[in-house]
Amino acid sequence: MDQTLIKICQQLAQQGKRPSVGLLKAKAPKQYHLSDLVAAVQYWKANPDMELTESQEDNESKSSNKSHSEMSKAELIEKVQQLEDKLQRLEALVNVLHTKLK
């Protein structure tokens, strides 16, 4: 969950505005996927009184940067292989379901 979006929701609420996907999209500093915007608004609605601390924001950005920058080429190749295997299993399941529906 992008803490920036949650922070914007909190700011909107403090201004007396009810956070919505449209308001969040307009106030966001960069383009976000619609699903990220919806998730942020839903999360805020479930936790409207949650306070973000600087350490929470810093920890999230550090862990995100670390996970992407420290992955070796071998790790990335392994991850791609795992995803390809998973895709093949899903395609097989879809074929089985398709056959059963005929």
Protein backbone atom coordinates (compact mmCIF):
# COMPACT_ATOMS: atom_id res chain seq x y z
CA MET A 1 0.00 0.00 0.00
CA ASP A 2 1.47 3.35 -1.00
CA GLN A 3 1.61 5.47 2.13
CA THR A 4 1.60 8.63 -0.01
CA LEU A 5 -1.98 7.89 -1.07
CA ILE A 6 -3.07 7.22 2.51
CA LYS A 7 -1.46 10.49 3.59
CA ILE A 8 -3.36 12.38 0.88
CA CYS A 9 -6.62 10.76 2.08
CA GLN A 10 -5.84 11.96 5.59
CA GLN A 11 -5.12 15.49 4.35
CA LEU A 12 -8.38 15.57 2.40
CA ALA A 13 -10.29 14.45 5.50
CA GLN A 14 -8.59 17.14 7.59
CA GLN A 15 -9.78 19.69 5.03
CA GLY A 16 -13.33 18.46 5.55
CA LYS A 17 -13.46 16.61 2.24
CA ARG A 18 -14.47 12.96 2.00
CA PRO A 19 -11.62 11.13 0.23
CA SER A 20 -12.68 9.57 -3.06
CA VAL A 21 -10.87 7.99 -5.99
CA GLY A 22 -11.41 11.14 -8.08
CA LEU A 23 -10.07 13.50 -5.42
CA LEU A 24 -7.16 11.21 -4.71
CA LYS A 25 -6.27 10.98 -8.39
CA ALA A 26 -6.38 14.76 -8.71
CA LYS A 27 -4.16 15.32 -5.66
CA ALA A 28 -1.67 12.48 -6.27
CA PRO A 29 1.84 13.65 -7.20
CA LYS A 30 2.12 11.06 -9.99
CA GLN A 31 -0.03 8.67 -12.02
CA TYR A 32 -1.28 5.65 -10.08
CA HIS A 33 -3.21 2.63 -11.29
CA LEU A 34 -6.92 2.85 -10.58
CA SER A 35 -6.69 -0.27 -8.42
CA ASP A 36 -4.08 1.44 -6.21
CA LEU A 37 -6.32 4.49 -5.79
CA VAL A 38 -9.35 2.36 -4.94
CA ALA A 39 -7.34 0.28 -2.47
CA ALA A 40 -6.01 3.41 -0.76
CA VAL A 41 -9.48 4.92 -0.35
CA GLN A 42 -10.85 1.62 0.97
CA TYR A 43 -7.95 1.27 3.38
CA TRP A 44 -8.43 4.83 4.61
CA LYS A 45 -12.17 4.27 5.09
CA ALA A 46 -11.42 1.20 7.22
CA ASN A 47 -8.74 3.08 9.21
CA PRO A 48 -9.68 6.80 9.15
CA ASP A 49 -7.97 7.59 12.45
CA MET A 50 -4.68 5.86 11.68
CA GLU A 51 -1.66 8.15 12.04
CA LEU A 52 1.30 7.67 9.75
CA THR A 53 4.68 8.28 11.27
CA GLU A 54 7.78 9.26 9.37
CA SER A 55 9.38 5.92 10.24
CA GLN A 56 6.48 3.99 8.66
CA GLU A 57 6.87 5.97 5.45
CA ASP A 58 10.66 5.65 5.45
CA ASN A 59 10.56 1.91 6.14
CA GLU A 60 8.17 1.30 3.28
CA SER A 61 10.22 3.25 0.76
CA LYS A 62 13.48 1.64 1.92
CA SER A 63 12.11 -1.91 1.72
CA SER A 64 10.62 -1.23 -1.71
CA ASN A 65 13.90 0.16 -3.08
CA LYS A 66 15.92 -2.63 -1.48
CA SER A 67 13.78 -5.42 -2.89
CA HIS A 68 14.11 -4.13 -6.45
CA SER A 69 17.72 -3.02 -6.45
CA GLU A 70 19.19 -6.01 -4.62
CA MET A 71 17.69 -8.74 -6.77
CA SER A 72 20.42 -10.38 -8.79
CA LYS A 73 20.03 -11.47 -12.37
CA ALA A 74 19.85 -15.11 -11.22
CA GLU A 75 17.08 -14.25 -8.75
CA LEU A 76 15.13 -12.44 -11.44
CA ILE A 77 15.52 -15.37 -13.84
CA GLU A 78 14.32 -17.74 -11.10
CA LYS A 79 11.33 -15.50 -10.36
CA VAL A 80 10.39 -15.34 -14.05
CA GLN A 81 10.62 -19.14 -14.26
CA GLN A 82 8.36 -19.51 -11.22
CA LEU A 83 5.82 -17.16 -12.79
CA GLU A 84 5.95 -19.02 -16.10
CA ASP A 85 5.36 -22.32 -14.28
CA LYS A 86 2.44 -20.83 -12.42
CA LEU A 87 1.01 -19.49 -15.68
CA GLN A 88 1.22 -22.93 -17.27
CA ARG A 89 -0.65 -24.47 -14.34
CA LEU A 90 -3.35 -21.80 -14.57
CA GLU A 91 -3.68 -22.30 -18.32
CA ALA A 92 -4.08 -26.04 -17.76
CA LEU A 93 -6.83 -25.40 -15.20
CA VAL A 94 -8.60 -23.05 -17.59
CA ASN A 95 -8.49 -25.72 -20.29
CA VAL A 96 -9.94 -28.32 -17.92
CA LEU A 97 -12.75 -25.96 -16.91
CA HIS A 98 -13.40 -25.04 -20.52
CA THR A 99 -13.66 -28.72 -21.44
CA LYS A 100 -16.08 -29.40 -18.58
CA LEU A 101 -18.34 -26.54 -19.67
CA LYS A 102 -18.75 -27.90 -23.20
